[in-house]
Amino acid sequence: MWATSRLRLVALDAGLARLQLDDRREFFRALNVSPEATWPPELNNTESMTQIRDRLTENPGQTGWHGWVFIMRWADDAPGRLVGNGGFYGPPDSEGLVEIGYSMLPSFREQGLATEAVEGLSGWAFSQPGVARIRAHTRVSATASRRVLEKSGFVLAGEVNAPEAGQLAVYTLQRPAG
Protein backbone atom coordinates (compact mmCIF):
# COMPACT_ATOMS: atom_id res chain seq x y z
CA MET A 1 0.00 0.00 0.00
CA TRP A 2 1.09 3.57 -0.72
CA ALA A 3 -0.75 6.71 0.35
CA THR A 4 -1.15 10.24 -0.96
CA SER A 5 -3.09 13.07 0.66
CA ARG A 6 -6.47 11.84 -0.65
CA LEU A 7 -5.80 8.36 -1.98
CA ARG A 8 -4.77 4.96 -0.81
CA LEU A 9 -2.97 3.09 -3.60
CA VAL A 10 -3.17 -0.69 -3.24
CA ALA A 11 -0.98 -3.00 -5.29
CA LEU A 12 -2.87 -6.01 -6.56
CA ASP A 13 -1.46 -9.36 -5.55
CA ALA A 14 -2.46 -12.57 -7.31
CA GLY A 15 -5.44 -13.06 -5.00
CA LEU A 16 -6.89 -9.58 -5.53
CA ALA A 17 -6.23 -9.82 -9.28
CA ARG A 18 -8.14 -13.13 -9.34
CA LEU A 19 -11.06 -11.68 -7.36
CA GLN A 20 -11.28 -8.69 -9.70
CA LEU A 21 -11.91 -11.13 -12.55
CA ASP A 22 -13.90 -13.89 -10.86
CA ASP A 23 -15.80 -12.39 -7.91
CA ARG A 24 -16.25 -8.64 -8.14
CA ARG A 25 -18.35 -8.47 -4.96
CA GLU A 26 -15.60 -10.19 -2.95
CA PHE A 27 -13.01 -7.92 -4.63
CA PHE A 28 -14.85 -4.84 -3.33
CA ARG A 29 -15.23 -6.41 0.12
CA ALA A 30 -11.53 -7.34 0.32
CA LEU A 31 -10.61 -3.72 -0.45
CA ASN A 32 -13.27 -2.34 1.96
CA VAL A 33 -14.78 -0.19 -0.80
CA SER A 34 -18.31 0.52 -1.92
CA PRO A 35 -19.33 -1.48 -5.01
CA GLU A 36 -18.70 0.44 -8.25
CA ALA A 37 -21.17 -0.42 -11.01
CA THR A 38 -18.86 1.03 -13.66
CA TRP A 39 -15.74 -0.85 -12.56
CA PRO A 40 -13.21 -1.25 -14.17
CA PRO A 41 -12.26 2.10 -15.74
CA GLU A 42 -11.65 2.66 -19.44
CA LEU A 43 -8.63 0.97 -21.01
CA ASN A 44 -9.23 -2.10 -18.86
CA ASN A 45 -10.89 -5.26 -20.06
CA THR A 46 -10.95 -8.95 -19.32
CA GLU A 47 -7.80 -9.49 -21.38
CA SER A 48 -5.73 -6.84 -19.56
CA MET A 49 -6.96 -7.96 -16.14
CA THR A 50 -6.21 -11.59 -17.04
CA GLN A 51 -2.66 -10.65 -18.03
CA ILE A 52 -2.12 -8.96 -14.66
CA ARG A 53 -3.56 -11.95 -12.78
CA ASP A 54 -1.40 -14.40 -14.75
CA ARG A 55 1.79 -12.36 -14.30
CA LEU A 56 1.22 -12.10 -10.56
CA THR A 57 0.34 -15.79 -10.27
CA GLU A 58 3.56 -16.74 -12.08
CA ASN A 59 5.69 -14.15 -10.26
CA PRO A 60 4.16 -13.34 -6.85
CA GLY A 61 7.29 -11.39 -5.91
CA GLN A 62 6.39 -8.82 -8.57
CA THR A 63 3.48 -7.39 -6.59
CA GLY A 64 3.64 -3.65 -7.19
CA TRP A 65 5.06 -3.97 -10.70
CA HIS A 66 1.70 -4.61 -12.33
CA GLY A 67 -1.80 -3.54 -11.25
CA TRP A 68 -2.80 -1.02 -8.59
CA VAL A 69 -6.16 0.38 -7.55
CA PHE A 70 -6.78 3.92 -6.31
CA ILE A 71 -9.11 4.29 -3.33
CA MET A 72 -10.47 7.56 -1.98
CA ARG A 73 -11.61 7.48 1.63
CA TRP A 74 -14.23 9.81 3.00
CA ALA A 75 -13.64 8.82 6.63
CA ASP A 76 -11.48 6.25 8.39
CA ASP A 77 -14.51 4.27 9.56
CA ALA A 78 -16.36 4.28 6.21
CA PRO A 79 -15.79 2.18 3.10
CA GLY A 80 -13.69 3.87 0.45
CA ARG A 81 -14.51 4.51 -3.20
CA LEU A 82 -12.56 3.00 -6.07
CA VAL A 83 -11.72 5.94 -8.31
CA GLY A 84 -9.27 4.43 -10.79
CA ASN A 85 -6.46 2.04 -11.42
CA GLY A 86 -3.05 1.91 -12.97
CA GLY A 87 0.36 0.48 -12.47
CA PHE A 88 3.38 -0.64 -14.39
CA TYR A 89 4.00 -3.00 -17.27
CA GLY A 90 6.52 -4.97 -15.25
CA PRO A 91 9.62 -4.49 -13.10
CA PRO A 92 12.49 -2.24 -14.21
CA ASP A 93 14.50 -3.33 -17.22
CA SER A 94 18.32 -3.51 -17.28
CA GLU A 95 18.49 0.29 -17.73
CA GLY A 96 16.18 1.00 -14.79
CA LEU A 97 13.18 1.92 -16.97
CA VAL A 98 9.57 1.15 -16.03
CA GLU A 99 6.43 2.11 -17.92
CA ILE A 100 3.38 3.51 -16.14
CA GLY A 101 -0.29 3.56 -17.11
CA TYR A 102 -3.45 4.79 -15.40
CA SER A 103 -7.18 5.22 -15.89
CA MET A 104 -9.88 6.94 -13.85
CA LEU A 105 -13.60 6.32 -13.59
CA PRO A 106 -15.40 9.18 -15.41
CA SER A 107 -17.12 10.48 -12.26
CA PHE A 108 -13.72 11.07 -10.60
CA ARG A 109 -12.01 12.97 -13.41
CA GLU A 110 -11.15 16.68 -13.36
CA GLN A 111 -10.46 16.60 -9.61
CA GLY A 112 -6.68 16.20 -9.62
CA LEU A 113 -6.98 12.58 -8.51
CA ALA A 114 -5.24 11.16 -11.60
CA THR A 115 -2.30 13.50 -11.04
CA GLU A 116 -2.18 12.48 -7.38
CA ALA A 117 -2.29 8.80 -8.33
CA VAL A 118 0.48 9.14 -10.94
CA GLU A 119 2.63 11.06 -8.47
CA GLY A 120 1.98 8.35 -5.87
CA LEU A 121 2.86 5.50 -8.22
CA SER A 122 5.97 7.38 -9.36
CA GLY A 123 7.02 7.94 -5.74
CA TRP A 124 6.57 4.25 -5.01
CA ALA A 125 8.59 3.26 -8.10
CA PHE A 126 11.46 5.59 -7.22
CA SER A 127 11.50 4.15 -3.68
CA GLN A 128 12.34 0.77 -5.22
CA PRO A 129 15.93 -0.17 -6.05
CA GLY A 130 16.96 -0.08 -9.67
CA VAL A 131 14.41 2.43 -11.01
CA ALA A 132 16.08 5.31 -12.85
CA ARG A 133 13.31 6.50 -15.18
CA ILE A 134 9.58 6.14 -15.73
CA ARG A 135 8.01 6.29 -19.18
CA ALA A 136 4.39 6.83 -20.22
CA HIS A 137 2.64 6.70 -23.59
CA THR A 138 -0.63 8.51 -24.28
CA ARG A 139 -2.53 9.45 -27.40
CA VAL A 140 -1.37 12.76 -28.85
CA SER A 141 -5.01 13.88 -28.80
CA ALA A 142 -5.52 12.94 -25.10
CA THR A 143 -5.17 16.46 -23.70
CA ALA A 144 -6.29 15.57 -20.16
CA SER A 145 -3.90 12.61 -19.92
CA ARG A 146 -1.03 14.70 -21.22
CA ARG A 147 -1.84 17.39 -18.66
CA VAL A 148 -1.77 14.79 -15.85
CA LEU A 149 1.70 13.67 -16.91
CA GLU A 150 3.03 17.20 -17.25
CA LYS A 151 1.64 18.24 -13.84
CA SER A 152 3.32 15.12 -12.41
CA GLY A 153 6.72 16.26 -13.70
CA PHE A 154 6.94 14.12 -16.83
CA VAL A 155 8.62 15.69 -19.86
CA LEU A 156 7.64 15.11 -23.48
CA ALA A 157 10.34 12.95 -25.06
CA GLY A 158 8.80 12.58 -28.53
CA GLU A 159 6.09 10.83 -30.49
CA VAL A 160 5.71 7.35 -31.95
CA ASN A 161 3.21 5.79 -34.29
CA ALA A 162 1.63 2.66 -32.83
CA PRO A 163 -0.35 0.64 -35.40
CA GLU A 164 -3.10 -0.29 -32.92
CA ALA A 165 -3.36 3.09 -31.15
CA GLY A 166 -2.25 5.75 -33.62
CA GLN A 167 0.08 8.62 -32.83
CA LEU A 168 1.32 8.49 -29.23
CA ALA A 169 3.16 11.07 -27.14
CA VAL A 170 6.02 9.61 -25.10
CA TYR A 171 6.76 11.16 -21.71
CA THR A 172 9.56 10.40 -19.26
CA LEU A 173 10.32 11.18 -15.64
CA GLN A 174 13.86 10.87 -14.27
CA ARG A 175 14.61 9.72 -10.73
CA PRO A 176 14.97 12.82 -8.57
CA ALA A 177 18.53 13.70 -7.61
CA GLY A 178 19.57 12.97 -4.08
C-alpha atoms as a PDB file:
ATOM      1  CA  MET A   1       0.000   0.000   0.000  1.00  0.00           C
ATOM      2  CA  TRP A   2       1.091   3.568  -0.717  1.00  0.00           C
ATOM      3  CA  ALA A   3      -0.753   6.713   0.351  1.00  0.00           C
ATOM      4  CA  THR A   4      -1.153  10.241  -0.961  1.00  0.00           C
ATOM      5  CA  SER A   5      -3.088  13.066   0.655  1.00  0.00           C
ATOM      6  CA  ARG A   6      -6.470  11.843  -0.652  1.00  0.00           C
ATOM      7  CA  LEU A   7      -5.797   8.358  -1.981  1.00  0.00           C
ATOM      8  CA  ARG A   8      -4.775   4.956  -0.809  1.00  0.00           C
ATOM      9  CA  LEU A   9      -2.967   3.088  -3.596  1.00  0.00           C
ATOM     10  CA  VAL A  10      -3.174  -0.688  -3.243  1.00  0.00           C
ATOM     11  CA  ALA A  11      -0.983  -3.002  -5.295  1.00  0.00           C
ATOM     12  CA  LEU A  12      -2.871  -6.008  -6.560  1.00  0.00           C
ATOM     13  CA  ASP A  13      -1.465  -9.361  -5.550  1.00  0.00           C
ATOM     14  CA  ALA A  14      -2.455 -12.575  -7.313  1.00  0.00           C
ATOM     15  CA  GLY A  15      -5.442 -13.058  -4.997  1.00  0.00           C
ATOM     16  CA  LEU A  16      -6.893  -9.579  -5.528  1.00  0.00           C
ATOM     17  CA  ALA A  17      -6.230  -9.823  -9.277  1.00  0.00           C
ATOM     18  CA  ARG A  18      -8.135 -13.126  -9.343  1.00  0.00           C
ATOM     19  CA  LEU A  19     -11.056 -11.682  -7.358  1.00  0.00           C
ATOM     20  CA  GLN A  20     -11.282  -8.691  -9.696  1.00  0.00           C
ATOM     21  CA  LEU A  21     -11.915 -11.135 -12.554  1.00  0.00           C
ATOM     22  CA  ASP A  22     -13.902 -13.892 -10.864  1.00  0.00           C
ATOM     23  CA  ASP A  23     -15.799 -12.393  -7.910  1.00  0.00           C
ATOM     24  CA  ARG A  24     -16.250  -8.637  -8.144  1.00  0.00           C
ATOM     25  CA  ARG A  25     -18.354  -8.468  -4.958  1.00  0.00           C
ATOM     26  CA  GLU A  26     -15.602 -10.188  -2.951  1.00  0.00           C
ATOM     27  CA  PHE A  27     -13.010  -7.920  -4.630  1.00  0.00           C
ATOM     28  CA  PHE A  28     -14.847  -4.845  -3.330  1.00  0.00           C
ATOM     29  CA  ARG A  29     -15.233  -6.411   0.116  1.00  0.00           C
ATOM     30  CA  ALA A  30     -11.535  -7.336   0.320  1.00  0.00           C
ATOM     31  CA  LEU A  31     -10.612  -3.723  -0.451  1.00  0.00           C
ATOM     32  CA  ASN A  32     -13.272  -2.337   1.957  1.00  0.00           C
ATOM     33  CA  VAL A  33     -14.784  -0.190  -0.796  1.00  0.00           C
ATOM     34  CA  SER A  34     -18.313   0.518  -1.925  1.00  0.00           C
ATOM     35  CA  PRO A  35     -19.332  -1.476  -5.010  1.00  0.00           C
ATOM     36  CA  GLU A  36     -18.704   0.436  -8.248  1.00  0.00           C
ATOM     37  CA  ALA A  37     -21.167  -0.422 -11.010  1.00  0.00           C
ATOM     38  CA  THR A  38     -18.863   1.026 -13.664  1.00  0.00           C
ATOM     39  CA  TRP A  39     -15.735  -0.853 -12.558  1.00  0.00           C
ATOM     40  CA  PRO A  40     -13.215  -1.246 -14.166  1.00  0.00           C
ATOM     41  CA  PRO A  41     -12.263   2.103 -15.736  1.00  0.00           C
ATOM     42  CA  GLU A  42     -11.653   2.656 -19.439  1.00  0.00           C
ATOM     43  CA  LEU A  43      -8.628   0.975 -21.008  1.00  0.00           C
ATOM     44  CA  ASN A  44      -9.226  -2.099 -18.855  1.00  0.00           C
ATOM     45  CA  ASN A  45     -10.894  -5.257 -20.059  1.00  0.00           C
ATOM     46  CA  THR A  46     -10.947  -8.950 -19.319  1.00  0.00           C
ATOM     47  CA  GLU A  47      -7.798  -9.493 -21.378  1.00  0.00           C
ATOM     48  CA  SER A  48      -5.733  -6.841 -19.562  1.00  0.00           C
ATOM     49  CA  MET A  49      -6.963  -7.964 -16.135  1.00  0.00           C
ATOM     50  CA  THR A  50      -6.208 -11.593 -17.041  1.00  0.00           C
ATOM     51  CA  GLN A  51      -2.662 -10.647 -18.030  1.00  0.00           C
ATOM     52  CA  ILE A  52      -2.116  -8.961 -14.665  1.00  0.00           C
ATOM     53  CA  ARG A  53      -3.562 -11.949 -12.778  1.00  0.00           C
ATOM     54  CA  ASP A  54      -1.405 -14.395 -14.748  1.00  0.00           C
ATOM     55  CA  ARG A  55       1.793 -12.365 -14.303  1.00  0.00           C
ATOM     56  CA  LEU A  56       1.220 -12.103 -10.556  1.00  0.00           C
ATOM     57  CA  THR A  57       0.343 -15.790 -10.268  1.00  0.00           C
ATOM     58  CA  GLU A  58       3.557 -16.743 -12.084  1.00  0.00           C
ATOM     59  CA  ASN A  59       5.690 -14.152 -10.258  1.00  0.00           C
ATOM     60  CA  PRO A  60       4.157 -13.344  -6.849  1.00  0.00           C
ATOM     61  CA  GLY A  61       7.287 -11.394  -5.908  1.00  0.00           C
ATOM     62  CA  GLN A  62       6.388  -8.823  -8.573  1.00  0.00           C
ATOM     63  CA  THR A  63       3.478  -7.387  -6.588  1.00  0.00           C
ATOM     64  CA  GLY A  64       3.635  -3.649  -7.192  1.00  0.00           C
ATOM     65  CA  TRP A  65       5.057  -3.973 -10.702  1.00  0.00           C
ATOM     66  CA  HIS A  66       1.702  -4.611 -12.330  1.00  0.00           C
ATOM     67  CA  GLY A  67      -1.795  -3.538 -11.255  1.00  0.00           C
ATOM     68  CA  TRP A  68      -2.799  -1.023  -8.588  1.00  0.00           C
ATOM     69  CA  VAL A  69      -6.163   0.378  -7.548  1.00  0.00           C
ATOM     70  CA  PHE A  70      -6.780   3.925  -6.310  1.00  0.00           C
ATOM     71  CA  ILE A  71      -9.114   4.294  -3.331  1.00  0.00           C
ATOM     72  CA  MET A  72     -10.470   7.562  -1.983  1.00  0.00           C
ATOM     73  CA  ARG A  73     -11.608   7.479   1.631  1.00  0.00           C
ATOM     74  CA  TRP A  74     -14.226   9.812   2.999  1.00  0.00           C
ATOM     75  CA  ALA A  75     -13.640   8.818   6.628  1.00  0.00           C
ATOM     76  CA  ASP A  76     -11.475   6.251   8.388  1.00  0.00           C
ATOM     77  CA  ASP A  77     -14.505   4.269   9.557  1.00  0.00           C
ATOM     78  CA  ALA A  78     -16.356   4.275   6.211  1.00  0.00           C
ATOM     79  CA  PRO A  79     -15.794   2.178   3.103  1.00  0.00           C
ATOM     80  CA  GLY A  80     -13.690   3.868   0.449  1.00  0.00           C
ATOM     81  CA  ARG A  81     -14.506   4.511  -3.200  1.00  0.00           C
ATOM     82  CA  LEU A  82     -12.561   3.000  -6.072  1.00  0.00           C
ATOM     83  CA  VAL A  83     -11.719   5.942  -8.314  1.00  0.00           C
ATOM     84  CA  GLY A  84      -9.272   4.426 -10.792  1.00  0.00           C
ATOM     85  CA  ASN A  85      -6.463   2.038 -11.422  1.00  0.00           C
ATOM     86  CA  GLY A  86      -3.048   1.907 -12.968  1.00  0.00           C
ATOM     87  CA  GLY A  87       0.360   0.479 -12.472  1.00  0.00           C
ATOM     88  CA  PHE A  88       3.384  -0.645 -14.385  1.00  0.00           C
ATOM     89  CA  TYR A  89       4.005  -3.000 -17.275  1.00  0.00           C
ATOM     90  CA  GLY A  90       6.524  -4.973 -15.254  1.00  0.00           C
ATOM     91  CA  PRO A  91       9.618  -4.491 -13.100  1.00  0.00           C
ATOM     92  CA  PRO A  92      12.491  -2.240 -14.208  1.00  0.00           C
ATOM     93  CA  ASP A  93      14.504  -3.328 -17.217  1.00  0.00           C
ATOM     94  CA  SER A  94      18.316  -3.513 -17.277  1.00  0.00           C
ATOM     95  CA  GLU A  95      18.494   0.285 -17.730  1.00  0.00           C
ATOM     96  CA  GLY A  96      16.181   0.999 -14.790  1.00  0.00           C
ATOM     97  CA  LEU A  97      13.178   1.920 -16.965  1.00  0.00           C
ATOM     98  CA  VAL A  98       9.568   1.155 -16.033  1.00  0.00           C
ATOM     99  CA  GLU A  99       6.433   2.113 -17.920  1.00  0.00           C
ATOM    100  CA  ILE A 100       3.383   3.506 -16.143  1.00  0.00           C
ATOM    101  CA  GLY A 101      -0.290   3.559 -17.114  1.00  0.00           C
ATOM    102  CA  TYR A 102      -3.451   4.793 -15.401  1.00  0.00           C
ATOM    103  CA  SER A 103      -7.184   5.220 -15.893  1.00  0.00           C
ATOM    104  CA  MET A 104      -9.882   6.935 -13.854  1.00  0.00           C
ATOM    105  CA  LEU A 105     -13.605   6.321 -13.592  1.00  0.00           C
ATOM    106  CA  PRO A 106     -15.403   9.176 -15.410  1.00  0.00           C
ATOM    107  CA  SER A 107     -17.122  10.476 -12.259  1.00  0.00           C
ATOM    108  CA  PHE A 108     -13.720  11.073 -10.600  1.00  0.00           C
ATOM    109  CA  ARG A 109     -12.007  12.970 -13.414  1.00  0.00           C
ATOM    110  CA  GLU A 110     -11.151  16.680 -13.363  1.00  0.00           C
ATOM    111  CA  GLN A 111     -10.463  16.604  -9.613  1.00  0.00           C
ATOM    112  CA  GLY A 112      -6.685  16.203  -9.617  1.00  0.00           C
ATOM    113  CA  LEU A 113      -6.980  12.576  -8.512  1.00  0.00           C
ATOM    114  CA  ALA A 114      -5.239  11.163 -11.602  1.00  0.00           C
ATOM    115  CA  THR A 115      -2.299  13.502 -11.042  1.00  0.00           C
ATOM    116  CA  GLU A 116      -2.179  12.484  -7.383  1.00  0.00           C
ATOM    117  CA  ALA A 117      -2.289   8.796  -8.328  1.00  0.00           C
ATOM    118  CA  VAL A 118       0.476   9.143 -10.943  1.00  0.00           C
ATOM    119  CA  GLU A 119       2.629  11.061  -8.472  1.00  0.00           C
ATOM    120  CA  GLY A 120       1.977   8.353  -5.867  1.00  0.00           C
ATOM    121  CA  LEU A 121       2.860   5.504  -8.222  1.00  0.00           C
ATOM    122  CA  SER A 122       5.975   7.380  -9.356  1.00  0.00           C
ATOM    123  CA  GLY A 123       7.015   7.939  -5.743  1.00  0.00           C
ATOM    124  CA  TRP A 124       6.571   4.250  -5.013  1.00  0.00           C
ATOM    125  CA  ALA A 125       8.589   3.259  -8.098  1.00  0.00           C
ATOM    126  CA  PHE A 126      11.455   5.593  -7.217  1.00  0.00           C
ATOM    127  CA  SER A 127      11.496   4.150  -3.679  1.00  0.00           C
ATOM    128  CA  GLN A 128      12.344   0.767  -5.221  1.00  0.00           C
ATOM    129  CA  PRO A 129      15.934  -0.170  -6.054  1.00  0.00           C
ATOM    130  CA  GLY A 130      16.963  -0.079  -9.673  1.00  0.00           C
ATOM    131  CA  VAL A 131      14.410   2.429 -11.009  1.00  0.00           C
ATOM    132  CA  ALA A 132      16.076   5.309 -12.855  1.00  0.00           C
ATOM    133  CA  ARG A 133      13.309   6.497 -15.181  1.00  0.00           C
ATOM    134  CA  ILE A 134       9.575   6.138 -15.732  1.00  0.00           C
ATOM    135  CA  ARG A 135       8.009   6.286 -19.183  1.00  0.00           C
ATOM    136  CA  ALA A 136       4.385   6.832 -20.218  1.00  0.00           C
ATOM    137  CA  HIS A 137       2.644   6.697 -23.589  1.00  0.00           C
ATOM    138  CA  THR A 138      -0.627   8.510 -24.285  1.00  0.00           C
ATOM    139  CA  ARG A 139      -2.526   9.449 -27.404  1.00  0.00           C
ATOM    140  CA  VAL A 140      -1.370  12.761 -28.846  1.00  0.00           C
ATOM    141  CA  SER A 141      -5.006  13.882 -28.802  1.00  0.00           C
ATOM    142  CA  ALA A 142      -5.516  12.941 -25.105  1.00  0.00           C
ATOM    143  CA  THR A 143      -5.172  16.457 -23.705  1.00  0.00           C
ATOM    144  CA  ALA A 144      -6.287  15.567 -20.158  1.00  0.00           C
ATOM    145  CA  SER A 145      -3.903  12.606 -19.917  1.00  0.00           C
ATOM    146  CA  ARG A 146      -1.027  14.696 -21.223  1.00  0.00           C
ATOM    147  CA  ARG A 147      -1.842  17.394 -18.662  1.00  0.00           C
ATOM    148  CA  VAL A 148      -1.765  14.791 -15.847  1.00  0.00           C
ATOM    149  CA  LEU A 149       1.703  13.666 -16.909  1.00  0.00           C
ATOM    150  CA  GLU A 150       3.026  17.203 -17.253  1.00  0.00           C
ATOM    151  CA  LYS A 151       1.635  18.244 -13.844  1.00  0.00           C
ATOM    152  CA  SER A 152       3.320  15.117 -12.407  1.00  0.00           C
ATOM    153  CA  GLY A 153       6.725  16.263 -13.705  1.00  0.00           C
ATOM    154  CA  PHE A 154       6.936  14.117 -16.833  1.00  0.00           C
ATOM    155  CA  VAL A 155       8.619  15.688 -19.863  1.00  0.00           C
ATOM    156  CA  LEU A 156       7.635  15.111 -23.484  1.00  0.00           C
ATOM    157  CA  ALA A 157      10.344  12.946 -25.059  1.00  0.00           C
ATOM    158  CA  GLY A 158       8.805  12.578 -28.529  1.00  0.00           C
ATOM    159  CA  GLU A 159       6.086  10.833 -30.486  1.00  0.00           C
ATOM    160  CA  VAL A 160       5.713   7.353 -31.949  1.00  0.00           C
ATOM    161  CA  ASN A 161       3.211   5.788 -34.293  1.00  0.00           C
ATOM    162  CA  ALA A 162       1.629   2.656 -32.826  1.00  0.00           C
ATOM    163  CA  PRO A 163      -0.349   0.641 -35.395  1.00  0.00           C
ATOM    164  CA  GLU A 164      -3.100  -0.289 -32.916  1.00  0.00           C
ATOM    165  CA  ALA A 165      -3.358   3.091 -31.146  1.00  0.00           C
ATOM    166  CA  GLY A 166      -2.253   5.751 -33.623  1.00  0.00           C
ATOM    167  CA  GLN A 167       0.078   8.625 -32.827  1.00  0.00           C
ATOM    168  CA  LEU A 168       1.324   8.491 -29.226  1.00  0.00           C
ATOM    169  CA  ALA A 169       3.157  11.067 -27.143  1.00  0.00           C
ATOM    170  CA  VAL A 170       6.017   9.608 -25.100  1.00  0.00           C
ATOM    171  CA  TYR A 171       6.756  11.163 -21.708  1.00  0.00           C
ATOM    172  CA  THR A 172       9.559  10.399 -19.257  1.00  0.00           C
ATOM    173  CA  LEU A 173      10.320  11.180 -15.636  1.00  0.00           C
ATOM    174  CA  GLN A 174      13.865  10.870 -14.272  1.00  0.00           C
ATOM    175  CA  ARG A 175      14.613   9.720 -10.729  1.00  0.00           C
ATOM    176  CA  PRO A 176      14.968  12.819  -8.571  1.00  0.00           C
ATOM    177  CA  ALA A 177      18.534  13.700  -7.610  1.00  0.00           C
ATOM    178  CA  GLY A 178      19.574  12.969  -4.079  1.00  0.00           C
END
